[in-house]
Amino acid sequence: MADSAGIQSLDSALRVLEAMAQANAPLSLSDLARRVDMPASKVHRYLASFVNAGLAAQAGKSGKYDLGPGAIALGLSAMARLDFVNRTADALPDLCAETNLTAMLSIWGNFGPTIIRWERAAGFIVTTLGLGTTMPLLGSATGRTFLTWAQPNVIAAKLAEERDAQPSLDARSIAAQVRDDGYAWVSGDLIPGLAAISAPVLNWQGEVEAAVTLIGTDVSIAEPDSAPVTALKAFCARLSQPAPTPA
């Protein structure tokens, strides 16, 4: 029954989708029902509709449910409507042409830095990365950009998780070095044979809205005075929003 506040059954269905989005792994029907405090039979009916619409998918052997390709497409579409993301995505082909390197655009998603746009150079690079891939904070150039310029409370949970898994990496010293350099870089850390450099598109508060990353097979692209680093930093500076001038 509909009223001015919305449709109750739809609100309930959206609660199920929200619970799936907040989980960091696929959920069984019973786990999902407990999270939303609904009967499993009711949740199952919602899930059947979600699967038919492509918003959810069910694993074959485990029978657990996860977000489907339709949900990912909706999320990426919403992200692309953000002004910072729109302007940067539109300009990405120019950076790719200028540097002859593959470029990618990432923003902070539910589970960390998330790739939302690829612009491939003429020299095609084969990687396992794709749209929707979540990058590590400590082990990737993209992640280190968010580590350095994101609000601490935003990255806290992800950082704690990675610190437990990689205690040898000092997040504070990594961020200090990246901030001093004005860009982040890795070489073979995440994908053997590839080097990556990344810089932030900042809002007026100096916080990262998006990370732009260039990828190539030549480790020299990460040198401080290399042409790709110079081009990347200038590109991100143009697209960043400067802090307001004090009156």
Protein backbone atom coordinates (compact mmCIF):
# COMPACT_ATOMS: atom_id res chain seq x y z
CA MET A 1 0.00 0.00 0.00
CA ALA A 2 1.48 3.34 -1.08
CA ASP A 3 1.43 6.60 0.84
CA SER A 4 3.34 9.87 0.77
CA ALA A 5 6.25 8.24 2.59
CA GLY A 6 6.75 5.57 -0.07
CA ILE A 7 5.80 1.97 -0.75
CA GLN A 8 6.31 -0.27 2.25
CA SER A 9 7.09 -3.45 0.31
CA LEU A 10 9.64 -1.58 -1.82
CA ASP A 11 11.24 -0.09 1.28
CA SER A 12 11.62 -3.61 2.67
CA ALA A 13 13.13 -4.85 -0.58
CA LEU A 14 15.62 -2.01 -0.61
CA ARG A 15 16.65 -2.93 2.94
CA VAL A 16 17.68 -6.34 1.59
CA LEU A 17 19.75 -4.75 -1.17
CA GLU A 18 21.36 -2.37 1.31
CA ALA A 19 22.33 -5.26 3.60
CA MET A 20 23.94 -7.04 0.65
CA ALA A 21 25.85 -3.89 -0.28
CA GLN A 22 27.16 -3.47 3.26
CA ALA A 23 28.38 -7.06 3.52
CA ASN A 24 31.95 -7.76 2.47
CA ALA A 25 31.12 -11.22 1.15
CA PRO A 26 28.18 -13.19 -0.28
CA LEU A 27 25.48 -14.09 2.26
CA SER A 28 23.30 -17.13 2.77
CA LEU A 29 19.55 -16.67 2.80
CA SER A 30 19.40 -17.23 6.57
CA ASP A 31 22.23 -14.76 7.26
CA LEU A 32 20.60 -12.13 5.10
CA ALA A 33 17.22 -12.66 6.75
CA ARG A 34 18.78 -12.18 10.18
CA ARG A 35 20.51 -8.97 9.09
CA VAL A 36 17.27 -7.38 7.89
CA ASP A 37 15.09 -8.99 10.58
CA MET A 38 12.64 -10.50 8.11
CA PRO A 39 11.30 -14.02 7.57
CA ALA A 40 13.52 -16.01 5.23
CA SER A 41 10.54 -16.76 2.96
CA LYS A 42 9.93 -13.04 2.45
CA VAL A 43 13.60 -12.32 1.76
CA HIS A 44 13.69 -15.23 -0.71
CA ARG A 45 10.86 -13.67 -2.74
CA TYR A 46 12.74 -10.38 -2.93
CA LEU A 47 15.92 -12.17 -3.92
CA ALA A 48 14.15 -14.04 -6.71
CA SER A 49 13.04 -10.71 -8.19
CA PHE A 50 16.52 -9.24 -7.76
CA VAL A 51 18.11 -12.21 -9.53
CA ASN A 52 15.63 -11.91 -12.41
CA ALA A 53 16.49 -8.21 -12.73
CA GLY A 54 20.24 -8.83 -12.53
CA LEU A 55 20.54 -6.94 -9.23
CA ALA A 56 21.58 -10.09 -7.36
CA ALA A 57 23.29 -13.34 -8.24
CA GLN A 58 23.38 -16.72 -6.54
CA ALA A 59 26.51 -18.87 -6.37
CA GLY A 60 26.02 -22.38 -7.68
CA LYS A 61 27.52 -24.59 -4.97
CA SER A 62 27.19 -22.45 -1.85
CA GLY A 63 23.81 -20.99 -2.77
CA LYS A 64 24.85 -17.68 -1.24
CA TYR A 65 23.66 -14.37 -2.65
CA ASP A 66 25.70 -11.41 -3.77
CA LEU A 67 25.12 -8.23 -5.75
CA GLY A 68 24.73 -8.91 -9.45
CA PRO A 69 25.95 -7.12 -12.57
CA GLY A 70 22.86 -4.92 -12.66
CA ALA A 71 23.64 -3.52 -9.20
CA ILE A 72 27.25 -2.89 -10.17
CA ALA A 73 26.12 -1.08 -13.33
CA LEU A 74 23.74 1.10 -11.29
CA GLY A 75 26.48 1.98 -8.83
CA LEU A 76 28.97 2.86 -11.54
CA SER A 77 26.35 4.94 -13.32
CA ALA A 78 25.60 6.89 -10.13
CA MET A 79 29.31 7.44 -9.50
CA ALA A 80 29.77 8.75 -13.03
CA ARG A 81 27.21 11.49 -12.35
CA LEU A 82 29.39 13.05 -9.68
CA ASP A 83 30.80 16.30 -11.05
CA PHE A 84 34.42 15.60 -10.17
CA VAL A 85 34.18 12.16 -11.69
CA ASN A 86 32.38 13.39 -14.80
CA ARG A 87 34.93 16.07 -15.60
CA THR A 88 37.88 13.81 -14.93
CA ALA A 89 36.45 10.91 -16.93
CA ASP A 90 35.77 13.20 -19.89
CA ALA A 91 39.37 14.43 -19.87
CA LEU A 92 40.98 11.02 -19.34
CA PRO A 93 41.44 10.27 -23.08
CA ASP A 94 43.58 13.42 -23.40
CA LEU A 95 45.92 12.25 -20.63
CA CYS A 96 46.11 8.81 -22.19
CA ALA A 97 47.00 10.30 -25.59
CA GLU A 98 49.57 12.67 -24.08
CA THR A 99 51.42 9.97 -22.14
CA ASN A 100 50.67 6.92 -24.32
CA LEU A 101 49.91 5.07 -21.10
CA THR A 102 46.78 3.26 -19.97
CA ALA A 103 44.83 5.42 -17.54
CA MET A 104 42.23 4.52 -14.94
CA LEU A 105 39.94 6.50 -12.70
CA SER A 106 39.02 5.33 -9.20
CA ILE A 107 36.84 6.61 -6.37
CA TRP A 108 36.25 5.42 -2.81
CA GLY A 109 33.60 2.70 -2.71
CA ASN A 110 32.12 0.58 0.06
CA PHE A 111 35.19 -1.66 0.21
CA GLY A 112 37.97 0.75 -0.75
CA PRO A 113 39.41 2.42 -3.88
CA THR A 114 37.26 1.20 -6.76
CA ILE A 115 38.02 1.40 -10.49
CA ILE A 116 35.18 3.05 -12.40
CA ARG A 117 36.82 3.98 -15.72
CA TRP A 118 39.54 2.60 -18.00
CA GLU A 119 41.14 4.42 -20.90
CA ARG A 120 43.50 2.09 -22.72
CA ALA A 121 46.59 3.22 -24.61
CA ALA A 122 47.57 1.94 -28.05
CA GLY A 123 50.09 -0.41 -26.45
CA PHE A 124 47.49 -2.74 -24.90
CA ILE A 125 48.22 -4.06 -21.41
CA VAL A 126 46.65 -7.28 -20.18
CA THR A 127 45.75 -7.20 -16.47
CA THR A 128 43.27 -8.86 -14.17
CA LEU A 129 41.95 -5.44 -13.15
CA GLY A 130 38.54 -4.34 -14.41
CA LEU A 131 35.67 -2.01 -13.66
CA GLY A 132 34.57 -2.48 -10.07
CA THR A 133 37.93 -3.89 -8.93
CA THR A 134 38.85 -2.78 -5.40
CA MET A 135 42.49 -1.77 -4.99
CA PRO A 136 44.56 -2.27 -1.82
CA LEU A 137 45.37 0.85 0.18
CA LEU A 138 48.97 -0.01 0.99
CA GLY A 139 50.06 -2.05 -2.01
CA SER A 140 48.82 -0.03 -4.98
CA ALA A 141 49.53 3.45 -6.30
CA THR A 142 45.80 4.15 -6.43
CA GLY A 143 45.33 3.00 -2.84
CA ARG A 144 48.26 5.06 -1.61
CA THR A 145 46.67 8.16 -3.14
CA PHE A 146 43.56 7.60 -1.00
CA LEU A 147 45.71 6.67 1.99
CA THR A 148 47.39 10.07 1.74
CA TRP A 149 44.54 12.43 0.86
CA ALA A 150 41.33 10.80 2.17
CA GLN A 151 39.80 11.65 5.53
CA PRO A 152 41.22 9.24 8.15
CA ASN A 153 37.78 8.09 9.32
CA VAL A 154 36.84 7.13 5.75
CA ILE A 155 39.76 4.73 5.30
CA ALA A 156 40.11 3.59 8.94
CA ALA A 157 38.42 0.19 8.63
CA LYS A 158 40.16 -0.71 5.37
CA LEU A 159 43.52 0.43 6.72
CA ALA A 160 43.14 -1.61 9.92
CA GLU A 161 42.33 -4.70 7.87
CA GLU A 162 45.40 -4.27 5.66
CA ARG A 163 47.71 -3.45 8.56
CA ASP A 164 46.81 -6.79 10.14
CA ALA A 165 47.60 -8.58 6.88
CA GLN A 166 50.77 -6.57 6.09
CA PRO A 167 52.33 -5.42 9.38
CA SER A 168 55.68 -4.71 7.67
CA LEU A 169 54.22 -1.78 5.72
CA ASP A 170 54.21 1.55 7.58
CA ALA A 171 51.16 3.50 6.43
CA ARG A 172 52.30 6.73 8.04
CA SER A 173 55.68 6.81 6.31
CA ILE A 174 54.12 5.80 2.98
CA ALA A 175 51.60 8.64 3.19
CA ALA A 176 54.28 11.16 4.21
CA GLN A 177 56.43 10.24 1.22
CA VAL A 178 53.49 10.37 -1.19
CA ARG A 179 52.41 13.78 0.09
CA ASP A 180 55.96 15.12 -0.27
CA ASP A 181 56.22 13.79 -3.83
CA GLY A 182 52.72 14.84 -4.85
CA TYR A 183 52.03 11.42 -6.35
CA ALA A 184 52.15 7.73 -5.47
CA TRP A 185 53.88 4.94 -7.34
CA VAL A 186 54.49 1.19 -7.25
CA SER A 187 56.47 -1.09 -9.55
CA GLY A 188 55.54 -4.75 -9.73
CA ASP A 189 53.98 -4.69 -6.26
CA LEU A 190 50.47 -5.58 -7.36
CA ILE A 191 51.01 -6.92 -10.90
CA PRO A 192 54.48 -8.20 -11.88
CA GLY A 193 55.95 -6.37 -14.85
CA LEU A 194 53.80 -3.26 -14.48
CA ALA A 195 54.53 0.13 -12.94
CA ALA A 196 51.86 2.59 -11.84
CA ILE A 197 51.76 6.24 -10.82
CA SER A 198 48.74 7.92 -9.27
CA ALA A 199 47.68 11.41 -8.19
CA PRO A 200 44.54 12.87 -6.59
CA VAL A 201 41.77 15.09 -7.87
CA LEU A 202 41.11 17.18 -4.76
CA ASN A 203 38.07 19.09 -3.56
CA TRP A 204 38.33 22.55 -2.00
CA GLN A 205 39.08 20.99 1.40
CA GLY A 206 42.14 19.25 0.01
CA GLU A 207 40.48 15.82 0.20
CA VAL A 208 40.65 13.26 -2.59
CA GLU A 209 37.51 12.91 -4.70
CA ALA A 210 39.08 10.62 -7.29
CA ALA A 211 42.45 9.09 -8.10
CA VAL A 212 43.91 9.09 -11.60
CA THR A 213 46.42 6.32 -12.25
CA LEU A 214 48.71 5.68 -15.22
CA ILE A 215 50.00 2.16 -15.91
CA GLY A 216 52.89 1.03 -18.08
CA THR A 217 55.63 -1.58 -18.43
CA ASP A 218 58.56 0.86 -18.10
CA VAL A 219 59.52 1.45 -14.47
CA SER A 220 61.08 4.80 -15.43
CA ILE A 221 57.59 6.34 -15.58
CA ALA A 222 57.74 6.54 -11.77
CA GLU A 223 60.82 8.78 -11.73
CA PRO A 224 59.99 12.16 -10.10
CA ASP A 225 60.90 14.20 -13.18
CA SER A 226 59.55 11.82 -15.80
CA ALA A 227 57.21 13.17 -18.46
CA PRO A 228 54.31 10.94 -17.30
CA VAL A 229 54.61 12.16 -13.68
CA THR A 230 54.72 15.78 -14.81
CA ALA A 231 51.70 15.27 -17.08
CA LEU A 232 49.73 13.39 -14.42
CA LYS A 233 50.30 15.99 -11.69
CA ALA A 234 49.39 18.85 -14.02
CA PHE A 235 46.27 16.99 -15.18
CA CYS A 236 45.02 16.40 -11.63
CA ALA A 237 45.85 19.95 -10.56
CA ARG A 238 43.71 21.33 -13.40
CA LEU A 239 40.75 19.19 -12.39
CA SER A 240 41.04 19.82 -8.65
CA GLN A 241 38.98 22.50 -7.00
CA PRO A 242 41.22 25.07 -5.30
CA ALA A 243 40.58 26.12 -1.73
CA PRO A 244 38.67 29.40 -1.43
CA THR A 245 40.83 32.50 -1.03
CA PRO A 246 40.48 33.99 2.49
CA ALA A 247 38.60 37.31 2.50
